[in-house]
Protein backbone atom coordinates (compact mmCIF):
# COMPACT_ATOMS: atom_id res chain seq x y z
CA MET A 1 -4.68 5.13 13.55
CA ALA A 2 -7.58 7.11 12.06
CA LEU A 3 -10.28 5.86 9.77
CA ALA A 4 -10.79 9.35 8.37
CA ILE A 5 -9.20 11.58 5.72
CA ASP A 6 -9.75 15.06 4.44
CA LEU A 7 -11.84 14.95 1.29
CA PRO A 8 -9.53 14.29 -1.69
CA PHE A 9 -9.08 16.82 -4.47
CA ASP A 10 -9.69 15.75 -8.07
CA GLU A 11 -7.23 16.26 -10.90
CA ASP A 12 -8.21 19.93 -11.07
CA HIS A 13 -7.50 20.30 -7.34
CA ARG A 14 -11.18 20.65 -6.54
CA ALA A 15 -12.84 19.02 -3.56
CA PHE A 16 -16.25 20.19 -4.71
CA PRO A 17 -17.45 21.03 -8.25
CA GLY A 18 -16.81 24.60 -9.26
CA LYS A 19 -14.55 25.46 -6.37
CA HIS A 20 -10.75 25.55 -6.76
CA ALA A 21 -8.57 24.58 -3.81
CA SER A 22 -7.10 28.06 -3.63
CA GLU A 23 -10.59 29.50 -3.03
CA TYR A 24 -11.00 27.66 0.30
CA ASP A 25 -11.13 29.96 3.28
CA LYS A 26 -10.56 29.04 6.91
CA THR A 27 -14.22 28.11 7.47
CA ASP A 28 -14.16 25.76 4.49
CA ARG A 29 -11.13 23.94 5.87
CA GLU A 30 -12.65 23.60 9.31
CA THR A 31 -15.86 22.10 7.94
CA GLN A 32 -14.23 19.48 5.72
CA MET A 33 -15.24 16.00 6.83
CA ALA A 34 -12.45 13.69 7.97
CA TRP A 35 -12.53 10.34 6.15
CA ASP A 36 -9.17 8.63 5.82
CA PHE A 37 -8.38 5.14 4.57
CA SER A 38 -4.62 5.63 4.47
CA THR A 39 -2.12 4.10 6.88
CA ASP A 40 0.42 6.12 8.82
CA PRO A 41 3.76 5.84 6.97
CA GLU A 42 5.58 4.84 10.15
CA PHE A 43 3.11 2.03 10.88
CA GLN A 44 3.14 0.98 7.22
CA GLU A 45 6.86 0.30 7.64
CA LYS A 46 5.94 -2.07 10.48
CA LEU A 47 3.40 -3.81 8.27
CA ASP A 48 5.96 -4.16 5.47
CA TRP A 49 8.44 -5.68 7.92
CA VAL A 50 5.83 -8.17 9.17
CA GLU A 51 4.94 -9.19 5.61
CA GLN A 52 8.56 -9.80 4.67
CA PHE A 53 9.36 -11.54 7.96
CA CYS A 54 6.40 -13.91 7.60
CA LYS A 55 7.27 -14.78 4.00
CA GLU A 56 10.99 -15.27 4.54
CA GLU A 57 11.14 -16.71 8.08
CA VAL A 58 7.77 -17.79 9.50
CA GLU A 59 6.42 -19.71 6.51
CA PRO A 60 9.57 -21.79 5.89
CA LEU A 61 9.75 -22.68 9.61
CA HIS A 62 6.13 -23.84 9.50
CA TYR A 63 6.68 -26.21 6.58
CA VAL A 64 9.87 -27.74 7.98
CA PHE A 65 8.90 -27.77 11.68
CA PRO A 66 5.09 -27.82 12.10
CA TYR A 67 3.95 -26.73 15.58
CA ALA A 68 7.46 -25.45 16.25
CA VAL A 69 6.37 -23.17 19.12
CA ARG A 70 5.29 -26.18 21.20
CA SER A 71 8.20 -28.40 20.21
CA PRO A 72 10.24 -29.89 23.09
CA ASP A 73 13.30 -30.18 20.82
CA PRO A 74 15.91 -27.66 22.13
CA LYS A 75 17.21 -27.05 18.60
CA VAL A 76 13.75 -26.14 17.33
CA LYS A 77 13.08 -24.08 20.46
CA ALA A 78 16.24 -22.09 19.73
CA LEU A 79 14.98 -21.33 16.20
CA VAL A 80 11.64 -20.18 17.61
CA ARG A 81 13.22 -18.01 20.32
CA ASP A 82 15.45 -16.33 17.75
CA LEU A 83 12.49 -15.41 15.56
CA GLN A 84 10.46 -14.28 18.55
CA GLN A 85 13.30 -12.06 19.69
CA GLN A 86 13.24 -10.36 16.30
CA VAL A 87 9.51 -9.77 16.79
CA LYS A 88 10.14 -8.31 20.24
CA ASP A 89 12.90 -6.08 18.88
CA GLN A 90 10.33 -4.63 16.50
CA GLY A 91 7.94 -3.94 19.38
CA LEU A 92 5.43 -6.42 17.97
CA TRP A 93 5.21 -9.04 20.71
CA ALA A 94 1.75 -9.80 22.18
CA ILE A 95 0.22 -7.21 19.88
CA PHE A 96 -3.30 -7.63 21.30
CA LEU A 97 -2.38 -6.38 24.81
CA ASP A 98 -2.11 -2.88 26.19
CA GLU A 99 1.36 -1.50 26.78
CA GLU A 100 1.23 -1.79 30.58
CA LEU A 101 0.47 -5.50 30.21
CA GLY A 102 3.52 -6.28 28.13
CA GLY A 103 2.14 -5.55 24.67
CA PRO A 104 2.51 -2.54 22.36
CA GLY A 105 -1.02 -1.21 22.95
CA PHE A 106 -1.82 -0.69 19.27
CA GLY A 107 -5.59 -0.68 19.54
CA GLN A 108 -8.02 -2.67 17.41
CA LEU A 109 -7.58 -0.87 14.10
CA LYS A 110 -3.83 -1.34 13.94
CA LEU A 111 -4.30 -4.86 15.25
CA GLY A 112 -6.67 -5.50 12.35
CA LEU A 113 -4.09 -4.40 9.80
CA LEU A 114 -1.48 -6.63 11.42
CA ASN A 115 -3.81 -9.63 11.55
CA GLU A 116 -4.50 -9.22 7.83
CA ILE A 117 -0.94 -10.41 7.39
CA LEU A 118 -0.54 -12.84 10.29
CA GLY A 119 -3.75 -14.70 9.46
CA ARG A 120 -2.26 -15.80 6.15
CA TYR A 121 0.48 -17.84 7.84
CA PRO A 122 -0.56 -20.64 10.26
CA ALA A 123 2.47 -20.28 12.52
CA ALA A 124 2.54 -16.47 12.63
CA PRO A 125 0.13 -15.76 15.53
CA GLN A 126 2.10 -17.97 17.94
CA LEU A 127 5.43 -16.60 16.80
CA PHE A 128 4.08 -13.10 17.54
CA GLY A 129 2.70 -14.18 20.94
CA ALA A 130 -0.85 -13.58 19.77
CA ALA A 131 -2.49 -16.97 19.19
CA ALA A 132 -5.92 -18.10 20.34
CA PRO A 133 -7.03 -19.41 22.75
CA ASP A 134 -4.25 -17.88 24.86
CA THR A 135 -5.07 -14.34 23.72
CA GLY A 136 -8.58 -14.29 25.11
CA ASN A 137 -7.54 -16.01 28.31
CA MET A 138 -4.74 -13.51 28.83
CA GLU A 139 -7.19 -10.66 28.31
CA MET A 140 -9.43 -12.06 31.06
CA LEU A 141 -6.46 -12.45 33.40
CA ALA A 142 -5.24 -8.95 32.64
CA ALA A 143 -8.67 -7.42 33.27
CA TYR A 144 -9.90 -9.47 36.23
CA GLY A 145 -6.95 -11.31 37.76
CA THR A 146 -5.34 -10.48 41.07
CA GLU A 147 -1.69 -9.52 41.10
CA GLU A 148 -0.84 -13.00 42.36
CA GLN A 149 -2.90 -14.63 39.58
CA LYS A 150 -1.20 -12.47 36.96
CA GLU A 151 2.23 -13.42 38.26
CA ARG A 152 1.28 -17.11 38.43
CA TRP A 153 -0.44 -17.42 35.04
CA LEU A 154 -0.39 -14.26 32.92
CA THR A 155 3.37 -13.77 32.83
CA PRO A 156 4.12 -17.43 31.89
CA LEU A 157 1.40 -17.29 29.20
CA LEU A 158 2.92 -14.12 27.79
CA ASN A 159 6.34 -15.75 27.69
CA GLN A 160 4.90 -18.98 26.22
CA GLU A 161 6.22 -20.91 29.19
CA MET A 162 2.74 -22.39 29.47
CA PHE A 163 -0.34 -22.66 27.26
CA SER A 164 -4.05 -22.51 28.01
CA ALA A 165 -7.48 -23.53 26.74
CA TYR A 166 -10.99 -22.16 27.20
CA SER A 167 -13.54 -24.68 28.48
CA MET A 168 -16.97 -23.17 27.89
CA THR A 169 -19.28 -25.09 25.53
CA GLU A 170 -21.28 -28.01 26.95
CA PRO A 171 -22.69 -31.12 25.22
CA GLN A 172 -26.31 -30.46 26.14
CA GLY A 173 -26.30 -26.65 26.05
CA GLY A 174 -23.94 -25.66 23.26
CA SER A 175 -22.71 -22.13 23.89
CA ASP A 176 -25.82 -20.92 25.74
CA PRO A 177 -24.75 -20.16 29.34
CA ASN A 178 -28.37 -20.36 30.48
CA LEU A 179 -28.28 -24.11 29.77
CA PHE A 180 -24.93 -24.86 31.40
CA LYS A 181 -24.77 -27.43 34.19
CA THR A 182 -21.08 -27.38 35.20
CA THR A 183 -20.90 -26.06 38.75
CA ALA A 184 -18.31 -25.26 41.39
CA VAL A 185 -19.26 -25.90 45.02
CA ARG A 186 -17.20 -24.49 47.85
CA ASP A 187 -15.88 -27.08 50.31
CA GLY A 188 -13.71 -25.50 52.97
CA GLU A 189 -10.68 -23.96 51.30
CA GLU A 190 -11.41 -25.51 47.91
CA TRP A 191 -13.82 -25.38 45.00
CA VAL A 192 -15.17 -28.71 43.74
CA ILE A 193 -15.98 -28.58 40.01
CA THR A 194 -18.34 -31.10 38.42
CA GLY A 195 -19.61 -31.16 34.85
CA GLU A 196 -18.78 -31.82 31.21
CA LYS A 197 -17.36 -29.50 28.57
CA TRP A 198 -17.40 -30.02 24.82
CA PHE A 199 -15.13 -28.54 22.13
CA THR A 200 -12.39 -27.18 24.37
CA SER A 201 -9.91 -26.27 21.66
CA ALA A 202 -6.34 -27.39 22.42
CA GLY A 203 -7.42 -28.66 25.83
CA ARG A 204 -5.36 -31.82 25.44
CA VAL A 205 -2.10 -29.84 25.18
CA ALA A 206 -2.95 -27.00 27.57
CA ASP A 207 -1.26 -26.46 30.91
CA ILE A 208 -4.25 -24.66 32.40
CA LEU A 209 -7.96 -24.68 31.55
CA PHE A 210 -10.27 -21.70 32.01
CA VAL A 211 -13.50 -23.43 33.02
CA MET A 212 -16.78 -21.52 32.83
CA CYS A 213 -19.14 -22.70 35.55
CA THR A 214 -22.65 -21.59 36.39
CA ASN A 215 -21.27 -19.60 39.32
CA GLY A 216 -17.91 -18.32 38.12
CA MET A 217 -14.81 -18.65 35.95
CA PHE A 218 -12.11 -20.97 37.32
CA VAL A 219 -8.50 -21.70 36.37
CA VAL A 220 -7.88 -25.45 36.49
CA PRO A 221 -4.46 -27.02 35.87
CA ARG A 222 -4.98 -29.77 33.28
CA ARG A 223 -3.27 -32.42 35.39
CA THR A 224 -5.56 -31.85 38.38
CA PRO A 225 -7.10 -35.17 39.54
CA GLY A 226 -10.56 -35.61 38.11
CA VAL A 227 -9.89 -33.87 34.78
CA GLU A 228 -10.64 -36.51 32.13
CA ILE A 229 -9.96 -35.65 28.50
CA MET A 230 -11.81 -37.97 26.17
CA PRO A 231 -9.91 -39.41 23.15
CA GLU A 232 -12.22 -37.76 20.59
CA PRO A 233 -12.40 -35.16 19.17
CA ARG A 234 -8.65 -34.89 19.12
CA ASN A 235 -8.16 -31.14 18.59
CA HIS A 236 -11.35 -29.70 20.10
CA ASN A 237 -11.60 -31.76 23.21
CA TYR A 238 -14.45 -33.29 25.20
CA ILE A 239 -13.52 -32.92 28.89
CA LYS A 240 -15.25 -34.38 31.93
CA TYR A 241 -14.68 -32.77 35.33
CA HIS A 242 -15.19 -35.35 38.08
CA ASP A 243 -15.18 -33.59 41.47
CA VAL A 244 -12.14 -31.55 40.45
CA ARG A 245 -10.71 -29.71 43.44
CA VAL A 246 -8.89 -26.39 43.12
CA PRO A 247 -7.91 -23.83 45.79
CA LEU A 248 -10.18 -20.85 46.46
CA ASP A 249 -7.77 -18.47 44.72
CA HIS A 250 -8.37 -20.25 41.40
CA LEU A 251 -11.62 -18.31 40.99
CA LEU A 252 -10.99 -15.61 38.36
CA GLY A 253 -12.93 -12.41 38.94
CA PRO A 254 -16.03 -12.28 41.14
CA GLU A 255 -18.17 -15.26 42.05
CA ASP A 256 -21.16 -15.45 39.66
CA GLY A 257 -19.23 -13.22 37.23
CA ALA A 258 -18.58 -15.83 34.53
CA LYS A 259 -20.91 -14.27 31.95
CA VAL A 260 -19.25 -10.86 32.27
CA LEU A 261 -15.79 -12.39 31.86
CA ALA A 262 -16.96 -14.49 28.91
CA GLN A 263 -18.36 -11.47 27.09
CA ARG A 264 -15.11 -9.60 27.68
CA ARG A 265 -13.20 -12.52 26.22
CA LEU A 266 -15.49 -13.40 23.32
CA GLY A 267 -16.11 -9.83 22.17
CA GLY A 268 -12.43 -9.29 21.44
CA GLY A 269 -12.07 -12.84 20.12
CA ARG A 270 -14.79 -12.36 17.52
CA ILE A 271 -13.23 -9.25 16.00
CA HIS A 272 -9.80 -10.92 16.00
CA HIS A 273 -11.24 -13.96 14.21
CA ALA A 274 -12.67 -11.60 11.60
CA MET A 275 -9.33 -9.88 11.12
CA ARG A 276 -7.57 -13.17 10.46
CA THR A 277 -10.43 -14.32 8.22
CA ILE A 278 -9.69 -11.38 5.92
CA ALA A 279 -6.20 -12.79 5.48
CA GLN A 280 -7.61 -16.20 4.58
CA CYS A 281 -10.03 -14.68 2.08
CA LYS A 282 -7.24 -12.63 0.53
CA LEU A 283 -5.06 -15.73 0.18
CA ALA A 284 -7.89 -17.63 -1.51
CA PHE A 285 -8.56 -14.66 -3.79
CA ASP A 286 -4.89 -14.36 -4.77
CA MET A 287 -4.77 -18.06 -5.59
CA MET A 288 -7.98 -17.76 -7.61
CA CYS A 289 -6.64 -14.92 -9.78
CA GLU A 290 -3.28 -16.58 -10.27
CA ARG A 291 -4.97 -19.81 -11.38
CA ALA A 292 -7.36 -17.98 -13.70
CA LEU A 293 -4.37 -16.64 -15.63
CA SER A 294 -2.43 -19.92 -15.63
CA ARG A 295 -4.82 -22.51 -17.05
CA GLU A 296 -6.65 -22.97 -20.33
CA SER A 297 -10.09 -24.42 -21.01
CA HIS A 298 -11.97 -24.69 -24.31
CA GLY A 299 -9.32 -22.84 -26.25
CA LYS A 300 -8.67 -19.86 -23.98
CA ILE A 301 -7.31 -18.81 -20.60
CA ILE A 302 -9.97 -19.64 -18.02
CA GLY A 303 -9.88 -16.05 -16.78
CA GLU A 304 -11.47 -15.08 -20.11
CA HIS A 305 -14.58 -17.15 -19.44
CA GLN A 306 -17.44 -15.01 -18.15
CA MET A 307 -18.45 -17.39 -15.36
CA VAL A 308 -14.89 -17.31 -14.00
CA GLN A 309 -14.87 -13.52 -14.30
CA GLU A 310 -18.12 -13.42 -12.35
CA LYS A 311 -16.58 -15.43 -9.50
CA ILE A 312 -13.54 -13.14 -9.43
CA ALA A 313 -15.62 -9.95 -9.49
CA GLU A 314 -18.04 -11.11 -6.79
CA SER A 315 -15.21 -12.41 -4.60
CA TYR A 316 -13.39 -9.09 -4.91
CA ALA A 317 -16.48 -7.12 -3.87
CA GLN A 318 -17.17 -9.45 -0.92
CA LEU A 319 -13.58 -9.22 0.27
CA ARG A 320 -13.50 -5.43 0.07
CA MET A 321 -16.82 -5.05 1.88
CA LEU A 322 -15.79 -7.43 4.66
CA ARG A 323 -12.45 -5.70 5.10
CA LEU A 324 -14.00 -2.24 5.40
CA PHE A 325 -16.67 -3.53 7.78
CA VAL A 326 -14.09 -5.18 10.03
CA LEU A 327 -11.77 -2.16 10.08
CA GLU A 328 -14.64 0.23 10.74
CA THR A 329 -15.76 -1.97 13.64
CA ALA A 330 -12.21 -2.01 15.00
CA TRP A 331 -12.13 1.79 14.71
CA LYS A 332 -15.39 2.03 16.63
CA ILE A 333 -13.97 -0.14 19.43
CA ASP A 334 -10.90 2.10 19.65
CA ASN A 335 -13.05 5.24 19.82
CA THR A 336 -15.79 3.90 22.10
CA SER A 337 -15.62 0.41 23.62
CA THR A 338 -16.27 -3.23 22.85
CA GLN A 339 -19.61 -2.87 24.61
CA GLU A 340 -20.67 0.10 22.47
CA ALA A 341 -19.62 -1.69 19.26
CA ARG A 342 -21.21 -5.04 20.09
CA THR A 343 -23.88 -4.83 17.36
CA ASP A 344 -21.21 -4.41 14.69
CA ILE A 345 -19.01 -7.09 16.29
CA ALA A 346 -21.89 -9.56 16.09
CA ALA A 347 -22.65 -8.56 12.48
CA VAL A 348 -18.99 -8.94 11.51
CA LYS A 349 -18.93 -12.35 13.16
CA PHE A 350 -21.69 -13.89 11.03
CA THR A 351 -20.57 -12.07 7.89
CA MET A 352 -17.00 -13.35 7.95
CA ALA A 353 -18.01 -17.03 7.89
CA LYS A 354 -20.25 -16.48 4.88
CA VAL A 355 -17.61 -14.56 2.94
CA LEU A 356 -14.90 -17.12 3.75
CA ARG A 357 -17.17 -19.93 2.60
CA GLU A 358 -18.05 -18.24 -0.70
CA ILE A 359 -14.58 -16.96 -1.63
CA SER A 360 -12.84 -20.21 -0.70
CA PHE A 361 -15.42 -22.17 -2.71
CA ASN A 362 -14.90 -19.95 -5.76
CA ALA A 363 -11.15 -20.40 -5.49
CA LEU A 364 -11.52 -24.16 -4.98
CA HIS A 365 -13.79 -24.41 -8.00
CA ILE A 366 -11.44 -22.45 -10.26
CA HIS A 367 -8.60 -24.78 -9.22
CA GLY A 368 -10.65 -27.77 -10.36
CA SER A 369 -9.62 -31.19 -9.12
CA LEU A 370 -6.51 -29.77 -7.42
CA GLY A 371 -8.77 -27.64 -5.23
CA THR A 372 -10.44 -30.74 -3.79
CA THR A 373 -7.16 -32.16 -2.48
CA ASP A 374 -5.12 -31.30 0.61
CA LEU A 375 -2.24 -30.05 -1.57
CA THR A 376 -3.38 -26.40 -1.31
CA PRO A 377 -4.86 -24.44 1.64
CA LEU A 378 -8.25 -24.17 -0.09
CA GLN A 379 -9.81 -27.39 1.16
CA ASP A 380 -9.01 -26.48 4.76
CA MET A 381 -10.42 -22.99 4.26
CA TYR A 382 -13.67 -24.26 2.80
CA ALA A 383 -14.01 -26.98 5.42
CA GLY A 384 -13.22 -24.47 8.16
CA ALA A 385 -15.90 -21.96 7.15
CA PRO A 386 -18.72 -23.81 8.98
CA THR A 387 -16.55 -23.89 12.09
CA MET A 388 -16.18 -20.11 11.88
CA GLY A 389 -19.97 -19.94 11.77
CA LEU A 390 -20.16 -21.81 15.09
CA ALA A 391 -17.08 -20.73 17.03
CA ASP A 392 -17.75 -18.05 19.67
CA GLY A 393 -21.49 -18.58 19.23
CA ALA A 394 -23.61 -19.78 16.31
CA ASP A 395 -24.17 -17.23 13.55
CA GLU A 396 -27.93 -17.57 13.91
CA VAL A 397 -27.69 -16.33 17.51
CA HIS A 398 -25.67 -13.31 16.42
CA LYS A 399 -28.11 -12.52 13.63
CA SER A 400 -30.98 -12.52 16.11
CA THR A 401 -28.96 -10.33 18.46
CA VAL A 402 -28.18 -7.82 15.71
CA ALA A 403 -31.79 -7.70 14.57
CA ARG A 404 -33.11 -7.17 18.10
CA ARG A 405 -30.63 -4.41 18.84
CA ILE A 406 -31.31 -2.63 15.55
CA LEU A 407 -35.08 -2.81 16.00
CA LYS A 408 -34.75 -1.02 19.35
CA GLU A 409 -33.77 2.08 17.37
CA TYR A 410 -37.09 2.13 15.46
CA ARG A 411 -40.73 2.73 16.29
CA PRO A 412 -43.86 1.29 14.63
CA HIS A 413 -45.85 3.52 12.28
CA GLU A 414 -49.44 4.48 12.99
CA GLY A 415 -52.33 3.31 10.84
CA TYR A 416 -52.31 0.83 8.00
CA PHE A 417 -49.48 2.24 5.90
CA PRO A 418 -45.83 3.22 6.54
CA ARG A 419 -44.61 6.79 6.89
CA GLU A 420 -43.09 6.58 3.41
CA TYR A 421 -46.55 5.85 1.89
CA ILE A 422 -46.59 8.24 -1.06
CA PRO A 423 -50.20 9.51 -0.67
CA TYR A 424 -49.28 10.51 2.92
CA LYS A 425 -46.16 12.28 1.70
CA ARG A 426 -48.09 14.10 -1.02
CA GLU A 427 -50.76 15.25 1.43
CA GLU A 428 -48.13 16.53 3.90
CA ALA A 429 -46.32 18.36 1.12
CA TRP A 430 -49.51 20.12 -0.04
CA GLU A 431 -50.21 21.14 3.55
CA LYS A 432 -46.72 22.60 3.87
CA PHE A 433 -47.15 24.64 0.67
CA GLN A 434 -50.56 26.15 1.63
CA PRO A 435 -49.09 29.46 2.91
CA LYS A 436 -47.10 29.86 -0.34
CA PHE A 437 -50.18 29.06 -2.41
CA ALA A 438 -52.25 31.59 -0.47
CA ALA A 439 -49.68 34.26 -1.19
CA ASP A 440 -49.19 33.33 -4.86
CA PRO A 441 -52.24 32.07 -6.82
CA GLU A 442 -50.08 31.47 -9.92
CA LEU A 443 -47.88 29.07 -7.96
CA LEU A 444 -51.05 27.24 -6.83
CA ALA A 445 -52.26 27.00 -10.43
CA SER A 446 -48.91 25.57 -11.49
CA ALA A 447 -49.06 22.97 -8.72
CA GLU A 448 -52.64 22.04 -9.66
CA SER A 449 -51.58 21.50 -13.25
CA TYR A 450 -48.77 19.17 -12.13
CA ARG A 451 -51.18 17.23 -9.93
CA LYS A 452 -53.70 16.91 -12.76
CA TYR A 453 -50.98 15.77 -15.20
CA PHE A 454 -49.76 12.98 -12.92
CA ALA A 455 -53.30 11.95 -12.02
CA ASN A 456 -54.20 11.55 -15.69
CA ARG A 457 -50.96 9.70 -16.43
CA ARG A 458 -51.84 7.02 -13.87
């Protein structure tokens, strides 16, 4: 999937003013810049199928059987397996993984276009085998796990025969690994894990926990003695690890390699969050426009009021800018690596929370009192925006990271004033023209007259 097209012709078949398409020679064609925002027709068919499938099958299942994927009811399980088989038949199962790992190997750009659709429907990621936190955990297993670890944990996770959670954040240290205290100490043929973890999403219902310790990443079955899950918070769990013993082969990757594994996991997770956030913003925007045409206030449709029009226009611009930024970042990852694109990944991460907050608020406001209730998705979106600003690292941390990385590309100027200081520029320009002035006194006289004119005008 390319993010580049040949320059488009205008209605007169001209790519550049004054030059007809038929006048292009071979050199012209070779030097045209590629810049394409179109989608391959074959992949667009896949996207169309996903959109229709989610509307007609996934959404109704969600409203009748919430959390159907995890349901123990055999009748509900049969419904889920049938839908998931249709996804697999389309080659769309576990879309985030490379082909050799059981996924289609689409790459980040295509994954972004798919997530634009899936993120609109709460049940869709799990029905496509691509729901967090399992996705990031599977990526770590795929990249760093032994063959035995992959067989034991990766394959069942792929088949949704088990579920996982990521236990990283700590009560006293937040998401800063330098402040973590949870440790694993080797004792014979076992590791003994001691510490506390905060905000382990879905930890209460996970089969295995990926626990980030100061000296490594460990896979801990939830029912291991010593794992204590506190009653609150209910969804993002507080877990205490009291001398939890696991075998030596439950270390994932190298000892002392937890930070490397975490960056591998969180880098992909941040861009995937952004992709799904676009879907949420688009849903809020669609609801906003629909409502603006459906209600009246002070004698006219509310969409005719300028303040409502301002919210719609600004929301549209924010949505389009976020979408292009996310897709360009995905394209960069596909063409370089997550490591090379990490500045843009961090920038996307703190941008998406802000855009979600502002668009969802505009939509909520235009819906009036209805928007403040739990009868539409808007309240959840608006309430969830601060969470997006904290998940996978606080936005403030990412802003500092982006600024530091960008500033490495610059150098300080000399003297009191910047290089773009106009008197400096003017002096340099006069110096450059001295040979021409020496050869042509009339040109010098013309330049002197210009300089005198502007000096007098000031």
